[in-house]
Amino acid sequence: MELVKPFFDSVSIESYALTLEEYQTLEVLGVVGVTLYQETNDQERYEYLHPFGPKADYTWRLEVPQRVGKSGIRQMNMGLLMGLTNWRKDLLNLMAHGKQIQSQFPEMELSFSLPRMIPFE
């Protein structure tokens, strides 16, 4: 942040799931937005795709927007990789999750990314 902040009006990041304390540190440093791809909101499919490692905890990753909201970071971009499961159900779940986040953190700007729009085996 020390290197890039002088050159930009605002800085957003895409990262893996962090703790509340880590998001709070980023906010103090000047990060205004976070992007995180849940990949899919289908827990069974998610767990199949991530059976071990740092991404294996579905709930920990799903709760990122709440931690971002609590940290004071003002922008959250939630993303899915469309095509990993039933895209209609996945998109509906993303919108429901977004509505929940907006009700908890009405001051937070929320956006959505849908980078893959084709089936993937």
PDB file of N, CA and C in Angstrom:
ATOM      1  N   MET A   1       0.823  -1.191   0.000  1.00  0.00           N
ATOM      2  CA  MET A   1       0.000   0.000   0.000  1.00  0.00           C
ATOM      3  C   MET A   1       0.865   1.252   0.000  1.00  0.00           C
ATOM      4  N   GLU A   2       1.964   1.216   0.732  1.00  0.00           N
ATOM      5  CA  GLU A   2       2.850   2.380   0.762  1.00  0.00           C
ATOM      6  C   GLU A   2       3.370   2.712  -0.639  1.00  0.00           C
ATOM      7  N   LEU A   3       3.586   1.682  -1.457  1.00  0.00           N
ATOM      8  CA  LEU A   3       4.115   1.893  -2.804  1.00  0.00           C
ATOM      9  C   LEU A   3       3.064   2.379  -3.796  1.00  0.00           C
ATOM     10  N   VAL A   4       1.848   1.861  -3.705  1.00  0.00           N
ATOM     11  CA  VAL A   4       0.845   2.173  -4.727  1.00  0.00           C
ATOM     12  C   VAL A   4      -0.114   3.291  -4.357  1.00  0.00           C
ATOM     13  N   LYS A   5      -0.398   3.481  -3.089  1.00  0.00           N
ATOM     14  CA  LYS A   5      -1.392   4.470  -2.671  1.00  0.00           C
ATOM     15  C   LYS A   5      -1.114   5.888  -3.190  1.00  0.00           C
ATOM     16  N   PRO A   6       0.139   6.358  -3.221  1.00  0.00           N
ATOM     17  CA  PRO A   6       0.380   7.711  -3.729  1.00  0.00           C
ATOM     18  C   PRO A   6      -0.011   7.914  -5.203  1.00  0.00           C
ATOM     19  N   PHE A   7      -0.157   6.835  -5.944  1.00  0.00           N
ATOM     20  CA  PHE A   7      -0.431   6.935  -7.376  1.00  0.00           C
ATOM     21  C   PHE A   7      -1.907   6.753  -7.742  1.00  0.00           C
ATOM     22  N   PHE A   8      -2.746   6.386  -6.782  1.00  0.00           N
ATOM     23  CA  PHE A   8      -4.140   6.068  -7.074  1.00  0.00           C
ATOM     24  C   PHE A   8      -5.077   6.717  -6.062  1.00  0.00           C
ATOM     25  N   ASP A   9      -6.281   7.059  -6.538  1.00  0.00           N
ATOM     26  CA  ASP A   9      -7.299   7.623  -5.647  1.00  0.00           C
ATOM     27  C   ASP A   9      -7.841   6.590  -4.677  1.00  0.00           C
ATOM     28  N   SER A  10      -7.935   5.347  -5.136  1.00  0.00           N
ATOM     29  CA  SER A  10      -8.399   4.275  -4.267  1.00  0.00           C
ATOM     30  C   SER A  10      -7.748   2.969  -4.700  1.00  0.00           C
ATOM     31  N   VAL A  11      -7.625   2.049  -3.756  1.00  0.00           N
ATOM     32  CA  VAL A  11      -7.005   0.755  -4.025  1.00  0.00           C
ATOM     33  C   VAL A  11      -7.927  -0.341  -3.512  1.00  0.00           C
ATOM     34  N   SER A  12      -8.225  -1.298  -4.402  1.00  0.00           N
ATOM     35  CA  SER A  12      -8.975  -2.495  -4.044  1.00  0.00           C
ATOM     36  C   SER A  12      -8.095  -3.701  -4.323  1.00  0.00           C
ATOM     37  N   ILE A  13      -8.367  -4.779  -3.615  1.00  0.00           N
ATOM     38  CA  ILE A  13      -7.559  -5.983  -3.780  1.00  0.00           C
ATOM     39  C   ILE A  13      -8.443  -7.190  -4.031  1.00  0.00           C
ATOM     40  N   GLU A  14      -7.864  -8.197  -4.650  1.00  0.00           N
ATOM     41  CA  GLU A  14      -8.464  -9.529  -4.712  1.00  0.00           C
ATOM     42  C   GLU A  14      -7.547 -10.412  -3.901  1.00  0.00           C
ATOM     43  N   SER A  15      -8.122 -11.156  -2.974  1.00  0.00           N
ATOM     44  CA  SER A  15      -7.265 -11.988  -2.124  1.00  0.00           C
ATOM     45  C   SER A  15      -8.010 -13.244  -1.695  1.00  0.00           C
ATOM     46  N   TYR A  16      -7.277 -14.110  -1.049  1.00  0.00           N
ATOM     47  CA  TYR A  16      -7.872 -15.274  -0.402  1.00  0.00           C
ATOM     48  C   TYR A  16      -8.580 -14.801   0.864  1.00  0.00           C
ATOM     49  N   ALA A  17      -9.292 -15.674   1.530  1.00  0.00           N
ATOM     50  CA  ALA A  17     -10.023 -15.327   2.743  1.00  0.00           C
ATOM     51  C   ALA A  17      -9.052 -14.972   3.868  1.00  0.00           C
ATOM     52  N   LEU A  18      -9.304 -13.831   4.503  1.00  0.00           N
ATOM     53  CA  LEU A  18      -8.467 -13.341   5.598  1.00  0.00           C
ATOM     54  C   LEU A  18      -9.276 -13.261   6.890  1.00  0.00           C
ATOM     55  N   THR A  19      -8.576 -13.042   7.986  1.00  0.00           N
ATOM     56  CA  THR A  19      -9.234 -12.851   9.275  1.00  0.00           C
ATOM     57  C   THR A  19      -9.771 -11.423   9.358  1.00  0.00           C
ATOM     58  N   LEU A  20     -10.646 -11.183  10.311  1.00  0.00           N
ATOM     59  CA  LEU A  20     -11.151  -9.833  10.559  1.00  0.00           C
ATOM     60  C   LEU A  20      -9.985  -8.890  10.851  1.00  0.00           C
ATOM     61  N   GLU A  21      -9.055  -9.316  11.669  1.00  0.00           N
ATOM     62  CA  GLU A  21      -7.917  -8.471  12.019  1.00  0.00           C
ATOM     63  C   GLU A  21      -7.088  -8.107  10.784  1.00  0.00           C
ATOM     64  N   GLU A  22      -6.919  -9.048   9.878  1.00  0.00           N
ATOM     65  CA  GLU A  22      -6.160  -8.764   8.647  1.00  0.00           C
ATOM     66  C   GLU A  22      -6.906  -7.756   7.770  1.00  0.00           C
ATOM     67  N   TYR A  23      -8.224  -7.894   7.667  1.00  0.00           N
ATOM     68  CA  TYR A  23      -8.998  -6.909   6.903  1.00  0.00           C
ATOM     69  C   TYR A  23      -8.945  -5.535   7.578  1.00  0.00           C
ATOM     70  N   GLN A  24      -8.990  -5.508   8.902  1.00  0.00           N
ATOM     71  CA  GLN A  24      -8.883  -4.236   9.616  1.00  0.00           C
ATOM     72  C   GLN A  24      -7.536  -3.572   9.346  1.00  0.00           C
ATOM     73  N   THR A  25      -6.477  -4.344   9.318  1.00  0.00           N
ATOM     74  CA  THR A  25      -5.151  -3.807   9.000  1.00  0.00           C
ATOM     75  C   THR A  25      -5.125  -3.226   7.594  1.00  0.00           C
ATOM     76  N   LEU A  26      -5.710  -3.944   6.635  1.00  0.00           N
ATOM     77  CA  LEU A  26      -5.764  -3.444   5.256  1.00  0.00           C
ATOM     78  C   LEU A  26      -6.558  -2.146   5.176  1.00  0.00           C
ATOM     79  N   GLU A  27      -7.638  -2.052   5.936  1.00  0.00           N
ATOM     80  CA  GLU A  27      -8.454  -0.835   5.928  1.00  0.00           C
ATOM     81  C   GLU A  27      -7.645   0.343   6.464  1.00  0.00           C
ATOM     82  N   VAL A  28      -6.914   0.135   7.535  1.00  0.00           N
ATOM     83  CA  VAL A  28      -6.077   1.196   8.105  1.00  0.00           C
ATOM     84  C   VAL A  28      -5.017   1.638   7.098  1.00  0.00           C
ATOM     85  N   LEU A  29      -4.499   0.695   6.331  1.00  0.00           N
ATOM     86  CA  LEU A  29      -3.485   1.006   5.320  1.00  0.00           C
ATOM     87  C   LEU A  29      -4.060   1.724   4.105  1.00  0.00           C
ATOM     88  N   GLY A  30      -5.411   1.711   3.970  1.00  0.00           N
ATOM     89  CA  GLY A  30      -6.041   2.443   2.879  1.00  0.00           C
ATOM     90  C   GLY A  30      -6.756   1.621   1.836  1.00  0.00           C
ATOM     91  N   VAL A  31      -6.856   0.321   2.016  1.00  0.00           N
ATOM     92  CA  VAL A  31      -7.621  -0.502   1.073  1.00  0.00           C
ATOM     93  C   VAL A  31      -9.098  -0.152   1.207  1.00  0.00           C
ATOM     94  N   VAL A  32      -9.764   0.131   0.084  1.00  0.00           N
ATOM     95  CA  VAL A  32     -11.178   0.502   0.130  1.00  0.00           C
ATOM     96  C   VAL A  32     -12.100  -0.603  -0.381  1.00  0.00           C
ATOM     97  N   GLY A  33     -11.543  -1.616  -1.059  1.00  0.00           N
ATOM     98  CA  GLY A  33     -12.387  -2.667  -1.603  1.00  0.00           C
ATOM     99  C   GLY A  33     -11.700  -4.016  -1.648  1.00  0.00           C
ATOM    100  N   VAL A  34     -12.522  -5.069  -1.561  1.00  0.00           N
ATOM    101  CA  VAL A  34     -12.032  -6.446  -1.592  1.00  0.00           C
ATOM    102  C   VAL A  34     -12.885  -7.235  -2.572  1.00  0.00           C
ATOM    103  N   THR A  35     -12.226  -8.053  -3.379  1.00  0.00           N
ATOM    104  CA  THR A  35     -12.897  -9.025  -4.246  1.00  0.00           C
ATOM    105  C   THR A  35     -12.524 -10.411  -3.773  1.00  0.00           C
ATOM    106  N   LEU A  36     -13.520 -11.275  -3.645  1.00  0.00           N
ATOM    107  CA  LEU A  36     -13.272 -12.671  -3.322  1.00  0.00           C
ATOM    108  C   LEU A  36     -14.248 -13.530  -4.114  1.00  0.00           C
ATOM    109  N   TYR A  37     -13.712 -14.532  -4.776  1.00  0.00           N
ATOM    110  CA  TYR A  37     -14.547 -15.473  -5.523  1.00  0.00           C
ATOM    111  C   TYR A  37     -14.860 -16.672  -4.645  1.00  0.00           C
ATOM    112  N   GLN A  38     -16.141 -16.837  -4.324  1.00  0.00           N
ATOM    113  CA  GLN A  38     -16.577 -18.006  -3.582  1.00  0.00           C
ATOM    114  C   GLN A  38     -16.489 -19.238  -4.486  1.00  0.00           C
ATOM    115  N   GLU A  39     -16.457 -19.018  -5.762  1.00  0.00           N
ATOM    116  CA  GLU A  39     -16.406 -20.031  -6.807  1.00  0.00           C
ATOM    117  C   GLU A  39     -17.771 -20.662  -7.031  1.00  0.00           C
ATOM    118  N   THR A  40     -18.360 -21.222  -6.007  1.00  0.00           N
ATOM    119  CA  THR A  40     -19.724 -21.736  -6.088  1.00  0.00           C
ATOM    120  C   THR A  40     -20.351 -21.678  -4.707  1.00  0.00           C
ATOM    121  N   ASN A  41     -21.655 -21.471  -4.674  1.00  0.00           N
ATOM    122  CA  ASN A  41     -22.389 -21.495  -3.408  1.00  0.00           C
ATOM    123  C   ASN A  41     -22.989 -22.868  -3.134  1.00  0.00           C
ATOM    124  N   ASP A  42     -22.699 -23.814  -3.981  1.00  0.00           N
ATOM    125  CA  ASP A  42     -23.118 -25.202  -3.790  1.00  0.00           C
ATOM    126  C   ASP A  42     -22.064 -25.860  -2.894  1.00  0.00           C
ATOM    127  N   GLN A  43     -22.403 -26.024  -1.621  1.00  0.00           N
ATOM    128  CA  GLN A  43     -21.411 -26.500  -0.648  1.00  0.00           C
ATOM    129  C   GLN A  43     -20.847 -27.865  -1.019  1.00  0.00           C
ATOM    130  N   GLU A  44     -21.686 -28.771  -1.477  1.00  0.00           N
ATOM    131  CA  GLU A  44     -21.206 -30.111  -1.841  1.00  0.00           C
ATOM    132  C   GLU A  44     -20.192 -30.036  -2.989  1.00  0.00           C
ATOM    133  N   ARG A  45     -20.499 -29.236  -4.001  1.00  0.00           N
ATOM    134  CA  ARG A  45     -19.588 -29.088  -5.133  1.00  0.00           C
ATOM    135  C   ARG A  45     -18.303 -28.380  -4.703  1.00  0.00           C
ATOM    136  N   TYR A  46     -18.437 -27.356  -3.871  1.00  0.00           N
ATOM    137  CA  TYR A  46     -17.273 -26.623  -3.370  1.00  0.00           C
ATOM    138  C   TYR A  46     -16.331 -27.571  -2.635  1.00  0.00           C
ATOM    139  N   GLU A  47     -16.884 -28.378  -1.743  1.00  0.00           N
ATOM    140  CA  GLU A  47     -16.060 -29.301  -0.962  1.00  0.00           C
ATOM    141  C   GLU A  47     -15.422 -30.366  -1.838  1.00  0.00           C
ATOM    142  N   TYR A  48     -16.099 -30.757  -2.905  1.00  0.00           N
ATOM    143  CA  TYR A  48     -15.511 -31.696  -3.869  1.00  0.00           C
ATOM    144  C   TYR A  48     -14.309 -31.057  -4.564  1.00  0.00           C
ATOM    145  N   LEU A  49     -14.431 -29.777  -4.926  1.00  0.00           N
ATOM    146  CA  LEU A  49     -13.363 -29.075  -5.625  1.00  0.00           C
ATOM    147  C   LEU A  49     -12.193 -28.709  -4.709  1.00  0.00           C
ATOM    148  N   HIS A  50     -12.460 -28.566  -3.407  1.00  0.00           N
ATOM    149  CA  HIS A  50     -11.429 -28.164  -2.440  1.00  0.00           C
ATOM    150  C   HIS A  50     -11.436 -29.121  -1.243  1.00  0.00           C
ATOM    151  N   PRO A  51     -10.997 -30.359  -1.443  1.00  0.00           N
ATOM    152  CA  PRO A  51     -11.066 -31.347  -0.359  1.00  0.00           C
ATOM    153  C   PRO A  51     -10.075 -31.101   0.776  1.00  0.00           C
ATOM    154  N   PHE A  52      -9.020 -30.325   0.526  1.00  0.00           N
ATOM    155  CA  PHE A  52      -8.022 -30.031   1.562  1.00  0.00           C
ATOM    156  C   PHE A  52      -7.326 -28.728   1.207  1.00  0.00           C
ATOM    157  N   GLY A  53      -6.535 -28.232   2.135  1.00  0.00           N
ATOM    158  CA  GLY A  53      -5.804 -26.990   1.896  1.00  0.00           C
ATOM    159  C   GLY A  53      -6.534 -25.790   2.455  1.00  0.00           C
ATOM    160  N   PRO A  54      -5.988 -24.597   2.233  1.00  0.00           N
ATOM    161  CA  PRO A  54      -6.535 -23.385   2.853  1.00  0.00           C
ATOM    162  C   PRO A  54      -7.937 -23.008   2.375  1.00  0.00           C
ATOM    163  N   LYS A  55      -8.353 -23.481   1.216  1.00  0.00           N
ATOM    164  CA  LYS A  55      -9.689 -23.146   0.719  1.00  0.00           C
ATOM    165  C   LYS A  55     -10.739 -24.183   1.102  1.00  0.00           C
ATOM    166  N   ALA A  56     -10.368 -25.211   1.823  1.00  0.00           N
ATOM    167  CA  ALA A  56     -11.275 -26.319   2.103  1.00  0.00           C
ATOM    168  C   ALA A  56     -12.447 -25.956   3.012  1.00  0.00           C
ATOM    169  N   ASP A  57     -12.333 -24.917   3.803  1.00  0.00           N
ATOM    170  CA  ASP A  57     -13.393 -24.546   4.752  1.00  0.00           C
ATOM    171  C   ASP A  57     -14.420 -23.644   4.055  1.00  0.00           C
ATOM    172  N   TYR A  58     -15.497 -24.248   3.612  1.00  0.00           N
ATOM    173  CA  TYR A  58     -16.553 -23.552   2.861  1.00  0.00           C
ATOM    174  C   TYR A  58     -17.124 -22.379   3.658  1.00  0.00           C
ATOM    175  N   THR A  59     -17.461 -22.606   4.902  1.00  0.00           N
ATOM    176  CA  THR A  59     -18.093 -21.570   5.722  1.00  0.00           C
ATOM    177  C   THR A  59     -17.144 -20.401   5.960  1.00  0.00           C
ATOM    178  N   TRP A  60     -15.880 -20.682   6.235  1.00  0.00           N
ATOM    179  CA  TRP A  60     -14.881 -19.622   6.458  1.00  0.00           C
ATOM    180  C   TRP A  60     -14.828 -18.695   5.249  1.00  0.00           C
ATOM    181  N   ARG A  61     -14.846 -19.289   4.065  1.00  0.00           N
ATOM    182  CA  ARG A  61     -14.781 -18.495   2.837  1.00  0.00           C
ATOM    183  C   ARG A  61     -16.097 -17.755   2.603  1.00  0.00           C
ATOM    184  N   LEU A  62     -17.214 -18.390   2.875  1.00  0.00           N
ATOM    185  CA  LEU A  62     -18.527 -17.784   2.672  1.00  0.00           C
ATOM    186  C   LEU A  62     -18.725 -16.567   3.580  1.00  0.00           C
ATOM    187  N   GLU A  63     -18.064 -16.540   4.725  1.00  0.00           N
ATOM    188  CA  GLU A  63     -18.229 -15.452   5.698  1.00  0.00           C
ATOM    189  C   GLU A  63     -17.307 -14.260   5.451  1.00  0.00           C
ATOM    190  N   VAL A  64     -16.541 -14.282   4.361  1.00  0.00           N
ATOM    191  CA  VAL A  64     -15.641 -13.166   4.060  1.00  0.00           C
ATOM    192  C   VAL A  64     -16.378 -11.830   3.993  1.00  0.00           C
ATOM    193  N   PRO A  65     -17.514 -11.713   3.292  1.00  0.00           N
ATOM    194  CA  PRO A  65     -18.173 -10.399   3.230  1.00  0.00           C
ATOM    195  C   PRO A  65     -18.537  -9.834   4.603  1.00  0.00           C
ATOM    196  N   GLN A  66     -18.910 -10.697   5.554  1.00  0.00           N
ATOM    197  CA  GLN A  66     -19.197 -10.214   6.903  1.00  0.00           C
ATOM    198  C   GLN A  66     -17.929  -9.654   7.550  1.00  0.00           C
ATOM    199  N   ARG A  67     -16.811 -10.343   7.377  1.00  0.00           N
ATOM    200  CA  ARG A  67     -15.564  -9.850   7.972  1.00  0.00           C
ATOM    201  C   ARG A  67     -15.130  -8.546   7.308  1.00  0.00           C
ATOM    202  N   VAL A  68     -15.298  -8.459   5.999  1.00  0.00           N
ATOM    203  CA  VAL A  68     -14.962  -7.215   5.293  1.00  0.00           C
ATOM    204  C   VAL A  68     -15.849  -6.083   5.817  1.00  0.00           C
ATOM    205  N   GLY A  69     -17.152  -6.335   5.956  1.00  0.00           N
ATOM    206  CA  GLY A  69     -18.059  -5.316   6.469  1.00  0.00           C
ATOM    207  C   GLY A  69     -17.699  -4.861   7.869  1.00  0.00           C
ATOM    208  N   LYS A  70     -17.353  -5.791   8.730  1.00  0.00           N
ATOM    209  CA  LYS A  70     -16.972  -5.447  10.104  1.00  0.00           C
ATOM    210  C   LYS A  70     -15.654  -4.675  10.153  1.00  0.00           C
ATOM    211  N   SER A  71     -14.810  -4.854   9.152  1.00  0.00           N
ATOM    212  CA  SER A  71     -13.496  -4.207   9.152  1.00  0.00           C
ATOM    213  C   SER A  71     -13.564  -2.719   8.821  1.00  0.00           C
ATOM    214  N   GLY A  72     -14.667  -2.294   8.206  1.00  0.00           N
ATOM    215  CA  GLY A  72     -14.777  -0.908   7.793  1.00  0.00           C
ATOM    216  C   GLY A  72     -14.422  -0.672   6.335  1.00  0.00           C
ATOM    217  N   ILE A  73     -13.939  -1.717   5.651  1.00  0.00           N
ATOM    218  CA  ILE A  73     -13.692  -1.597   4.210  1.00  0.00           C
ATOM    219  C   ILE A  73     -15.038  -1.348   3.550  1.00  0.00           C
ATOM    220  N   ARG A  74     -15.104  -0.393   2.634  1.00  0.00           N
ATOM    221  CA  ARG A  74     -16.405   0.076   2.158  1.00  0.00           C
ATOM    222  C   ARG A  74     -16.916  -0.560   0.875  1.00  0.00           C
ATOM    223  N   GLN A  75     -16.099  -1.365   0.197  1.00  0.00           N
ATOM    224  CA  GLN A  75     -16.549  -2.011  -1.035  1.00  0.00           C
ATOM    225  C   GLN A  75     -16.264  -3.507  -0.980  1.00  0.00           C
ATOM    226  N   MET A  76     -17.232  -4.299  -1.422  1.00  0.00           N
ATOM    227  CA  MET A  76     -17.074  -5.754  -1.468  1.00  0.00           C
ATOM    228  C   MET A  76     -17.576  -6.231  -2.805  1.00  0.00           C
ATOM    229  N   ASN A  77     -16.744  -6.984  -3.503  1.00  0.00           N
ATOM    230  CA  ASN A  77     -17.124  -7.600  -4.756  1.00  0.00           C
ATOM    231  C   ASN A  77     -17.166  -9.111  -4.539  1.00  0.00           C
ATOM    232  N   MET A  78     -18.341  -9.677  -4.667  1.00  0.00           N
ATOM    233  CA  MET A  78     -18.531 -11.108  -4.473  1.00  0.00           C
ATOM    234  C   MET A  78     -18.575 -11.766  -5.843  1.00  0.00           C
ATOM    235  N   GLY A  79     -17.855 -12.871  -5.997  1.00  0.00           N
ATOM    236  CA  GLY A  79     -17.799 -13.490  -7.304  1.00  0.00           C
ATOM    237  C   GLY A  79     -18.050 -14.978  -7.292  1.00  0.00           C
ATOM    238  N   LEU A  80     -18.573 -15.454  -8.419  1.00  0.00           N
ATOM    239  CA  LEU A  80     -18.777 -16.880  -8.664  1.00  0.00           C
ATOM    240  C   LEU A  80     -18.081 -17.251  -9.959  1.00  0.00           C
ATOM    241  N   LEU A  81     -17.687 -18.509 -10.062  1.00  0.00           N
ATOM    242  CA  LEU A  81     -17.202 -19.042 -11.326  1.00  0.00           C
ATOM    243  C   LEU A  81     -18.359 -19.835 -11.933  1.00  0.00           C
ATOM    244  N   MET A  82     -19.127 -19.172 -12.766  1.00  0.00           N
ATOM    245  CA  MET A  82     -20.322 -19.772 -13.334  1.00  0.00           C
ATOM    246  C   MET A  82     -19.959 -21.014 -14.151  1.00  0.00           C
ATOM    247  N   GLY A  83     -20.720 -22.065 -13.975  1.00  0.00           N
ATOM    248  CA  GLY A  83     -20.520 -23.290 -14.728  1.00  0.00           C
ATOM    249  C   GLY A  83     -20.022 -24.451 -13.889  1.00  0.00           C
ATOM    250  N   LEU A  84     -19.706 -24.206 -12.625  1.00  0.00           N
ATOM    251  CA  LEU A  84     -19.237 -25.299 -11.768  1.00  0.00           C
ATOM    252  C   LEU A  84     -20.385 -26.169 -11.282  1.00  0.00           C
ATOM    253  N   THR A  85     -21.578 -25.603 -11.300  1.00  0.00           N
ATOM    254  CA  THR A  85     -22.780 -26.317 -10.862  1.00  0.00           C
ATOM    255  C   THR A  85     -23.959 -25.642 -11.558  1.00  0.00           C
ATOM    256  N   ASN A  86     -25.162 -25.910 -11.142  1.00  0.00           N
ATOM    257  CA  ASN A  86     -26.338 -25.294 -11.749  1.00  0.00           C
ATOM    258  C   ASN A  86     -26.238 -23.776 -11.611  1.00  0.00           C
ATOM    259  N   TRP A  87     -26.029 -23.077 -12.728  1.00  0.00           N
ATOM    260  CA  TRP A  87     -25.755 -21.641 -12.676  1.00  0.00           C
ATOM    261  C   TRP A  87     -26.937 -20.841 -12.167  1.00  0.00           C
ATOM    262  N   ARG A  88     -28.153 -21.284 -12.427  1.00  0.00           N
ATOM    263  CA  ARG A  88     -29.329 -20.549 -11.953  1.00  0.00           C
ATOM    264  C   ARG A  88     -29.415 -20.573 -10.430  1.00  0.00           C
ATOM    265  N   LYS A  89     -29.219 -21.758  -9.877  1.00  0.00           N
ATOM    266  CA  LYS A  89     -29.265 -21.901  -8.421  1.00  0.00           C
ATOM    267  C   LYS A  89     -28.096 -21.145  -7.777  1.00  0.00           C
ATOM    268  N   ASP A  90     -26.917 -21.258  -8.388  1.00  0.00           N
ATOM    269  CA  ASP A  90     -25.744 -20.567  -7.857  1.00  0.00           C
ATOM    270  C   ASP A  90     -25.956 -19.053  -7.848  1.00  0.00           C
ATOM    271  N   LEU A  91     -26.486 -18.525  -8.943  1.00  0.00           N
ATOM    272  CA  LEU A  91     -26.715 -17.085  -9.045  1.00  0.00           C
ATOM    273  C   LEU A  91     -27.785 -16.627  -8.052  1.00  0.00           C
ATOM    274  N   LEU A  92     -28.838 -17.407  -7.898  1.00  0.00           N
ATOM    275  CA  LEU A  92     -29.878 -17.083  -6.927  1.00  0.00           C
ATOM    276  C   LEU A  92     -29.303 -17.052  -5.512  1.00  0.00           C
ATOM    277  N   ASN A  93     -28.449 -18.023  -5.180  1.00  0.00           N
ATOM    278  CA  ASN A  93     -27.819 -18.051  -3.857  1.00  0.00           C
ATOM    279  C   ASN A  93     -26.884 -16.863  -3.666  1.00  0.00           C
ATOM    280  N   LEU A  94     -26.169 -16.469  -4.717  1.00  0.00           N
ATOM    281  CA  LEU A  94     -25.298 -15.297  -4.630  1.00  0.00           C
ATOM    282  C   LEU A  94     -26.119 -14.040  -4.355  1.00  0.00           C
ATOM    283  N   MET A  95     -27.224 -13.882  -5.053  1.00  0.00           N
ATOM    284  CA  MET A  95     -28.073 -12.705  -4.847  1.00  0.00           C
ATOM    285  C   MET A  95     -28.660 -12.697  -3.430  1.00  0.00           C
ATOM    286  N   ALA A  96     -29.065 -13.861  -2.940  1.00  0.00           N
ATOM    287  CA  ALA A  96     -29.596 -13.944  -1.572  1.00  0.00           C
ATOM    288  C   ALA A  96     -28.505 -13.596  -0.556  1.00  0.00           C
ATOM    289  N   HIS A  97     -27.298 -14.082  -0.794  1.00  0.00           N
ATOM    290  CA  HIS A  97     -26.187 -13.762   0.100  1.00  0.00           C
ATOM    291  C   HIS A  97     -25.912 -12.257   0.062  1.00  0.00           C
ATOM    292  N   GLY A  98     -25.927 -11.675  -1.137  1.00  0.00           N
ATOM    293  CA  GLY A  98     -25.718 -10.239  -1.273  1.00  0.00           C
ATOM    294  C   GLY A  98     -26.772  -9.432  -0.534  1.00  0.00           C
ATOM    295  N   LYS A  99     -28.018  -9.874  -0.626  1.00  0.00           N
ATOM    296  CA  LYS A  99     -29.104  -9.177   0.086  1.00  0.00           C
ATOM    297  C   LYS A  99     -28.885  -9.227   1.596  1.00  0.00           C
ATOM    298  N   GLN A 100     -28.436 -10.377   2.079  1.00  0.00           N
ATOM    299  CA  GLN A 100     -28.135 -10.518   3.509  1.00  0.00           C
ATOM    300  C   GLN A 100     -27.004  -9.569   3.907  1.00  0.00           C
ATOM    301  N   ILE A 101     -25.968  -9.492   3.096  1.00  0.00           N
ATOM    302  CA  ILE A 101     -24.831  -8.616   3.393  1.00  0.00           C
ATOM    303  C   ILE A 101     -25.278  -7.149   3.393  1.00  0.00           C
ATOM    304  N   GLN A 102     -26.098  -6.771   2.416  1.00  0.00           N
ATOM    305  CA  GLN A 102     -26.577  -5.383   2.362  1.00  0.00           C
ATOM    306  C   GLN A 102     -27.438  -5.036   3.566  1.00  0.00           C
ATOM    307  N   SER A 103     -28.207  -5.991   4.073  1.00  0.00           N
ATOM    308  CA  SER A 103     -29.030  -5.700   5.251  1.00  0.00           C
ATOM    309  C   SER A 103     -28.154  -5.556   6.498  1.00  0.00           C
ATOM    310  N   GLN A 104     -27.050  -6.296   6.566  1.00  0.00           N
ATOM    311  CA  GLN A 104     -26.137  -6.203   7.711  1.00  0.00           C
ATOM    312  C   GLN A 104     -25.244  -4.968   7.633  1.00  0.00           C
ATOM    313  N   PHE A 105     -24.846  -4.592   6.410  1.00  0.00           N
ATOM    314  CA  PHE A 105     -23.896  -3.505   6.210  1.00  0.00           C
ATOM    315  C   PHE A 105     -24.407  -2.577   5.106  1.00  0.00           C
ATOM    316  N   PRO A 106     -25.454  -1.800   5.387  1.00  0.00           N
ATOM    317  CA  PRO A 106     -26.069  -0.967   4.341  1.00  0.00           C
ATOM    318  C   PRO A 106     -25.132   0.098   3.774  1.00  0.00           C
ATOM    319  N   GLU A 107     -24.091   0.450   4.505  1.00  0.00           N
ATOM    320  CA  GLU A 107     -23.149   1.458   4.022  1.00  0.00           C
ATOM    321  C   GLU A 107     -22.125   0.886   3.040  1.00  0.00           C
ATOM    322  N   MET A 108     -22.020  -0.436   2.966  1.00  0.00           N
ATOM    323  CA  MET A 108     -21.028  -1.068   2.107  1.00  0.00           C
ATOM    324  C   MET A 108     -21.531  -1.128   0.661  1.00  0.00           C
ATOM    325  N   GLU A 109     -20.668  -0.737  -0.278  1.00  0.00           N
ATOM    326  CA  GLU A 109     -20.980  -0.861  -1.703  1.00  0.00           C
ATOM    327  C   GLU A 109     -20.720  -2.308  -2.101  1.00  0.00           C
ATOM    328  N   LEU A 110     -21.717  -2.925  -2.727  1.00  0.00           N
ATOM    329  CA  LEU A 110     -21.625  -4.337  -3.072  1.00  0.00           C
ATOM    330  C   LEU A 110     -21.704  -4.496  -4.580  1.00  0.00           C
ATOM    331  N   SER A 111     -20.831  -5.314  -5.126  1.00  0.00           N
ATOM    332  CA  SER A 111     -20.883  -5.628  -6.552  1.00  0.00           C
ATOM    333  C   SER A 111     -20.646  -7.119  -6.734  1.00  0.00           C
ATOM    334  N   PHE A 112     -20.918  -7.596  -7.953  1.00  0.00           N
ATOM    335  CA  PHE A 112     -20.811  -9.019  -8.255  1.00  0.00           C
ATOM    336  C   PHE A 112     -19.992  -9.226  -9.517  1.00  0.00           C
ATOM    337  N   SER A 113     -19.184 -10.288  -9.531  1.00  0.00           N
ATOM    338  CA  SER A 113     -18.424 -10.674 -10.719  1.00  0.00           C
ATOM    339  C   SER A 113     -18.801 -12.097 -11.105  1.00  0.00           C
ATOM    340  N   LEU A 114     -18.990 -12.291 -12.384  1.00  0.00           N
ATOM    341  CA  LEU A 114     -19.362 -13.604 -12.924  1.00  0.00           C
ATOM    342  C   LEU A 114     -18.430 -13.911 -14.098  1.00  0.00           C
ATOM    343  N   PRO A 115     -17.194 -14.298 -13.810  1.00  0.00           N
ATOM    344  CA  PRO A 115     -16.199 -14.371 -14.872  1.00  0.00           C
ATOM    345  C   PRO A 115     -16.297 -15.559 -15.824  1.00  0.00           C
ATOM    346  N   ARG A 116     -16.885 -16.648 -15.439  1.00  0.00           N
ATOM    347  CA  ARG A 116     -16.981 -17.793 -16.341  1.00  0.00           C
ATOM    348  C   ARG A 116     -18.451 -18.070 -16.599  1.00  0.00           C
ATOM    349  N   MET A 117     -18.810 -18.140 -17.838  1.00  0.00           N
ATOM    350  CA  MET A 117     -20.224 -18.316 -18.193  1.00  0.00           C
ATOM    351  C   MET A 117     -20.449 -19.592 -19.005  1.00  0.00           C
ATOM    352  N   ILE A 118     -19.511 -20.554 -18.938  1.00  0.00           N
ATOM    353  CA  ILE A 118     -19.651 -21.805 -19.686  1.00  0.00           C
ATOM    354  C   ILE A 118     -19.469 -22.975 -18.737  1.00  0.00           C
ATOM    355  N   PRO A 119     -20.034 -24.143 -19.071  1.00  0.00           N
ATOM    356  CA  PRO A 119     -19.848 -25.319 -18.217  1.00  0.00           C
ATOM    357  C   PRO A 119     -18.384 -25.723 -18.132  1.00  0.00           C
ATOM    358  N   PHE A 120     -18.001 -26.258 -16.998  1.00  0.00           N
ATOM    359  CA  PHE A 120     -16.640 -26.713 -16.771  1.00  0.00           C
ATOM    360  C   PHE A 120     -16.698 -28.077 -16.089  1.00  0.00           C
ATOM    361  N   GLU A 121     -16.040 -29.040 -16.639  1.00  0.00           N
ATOM    362  CA  GLU A 121     -16.012 -30.390 -16.046  1.00  0.00           C
ATOM    363  C   GLU A 121     -14.738 -30.590 -15.255  1.00  0.00           C
TER     364      GLU A 121
END
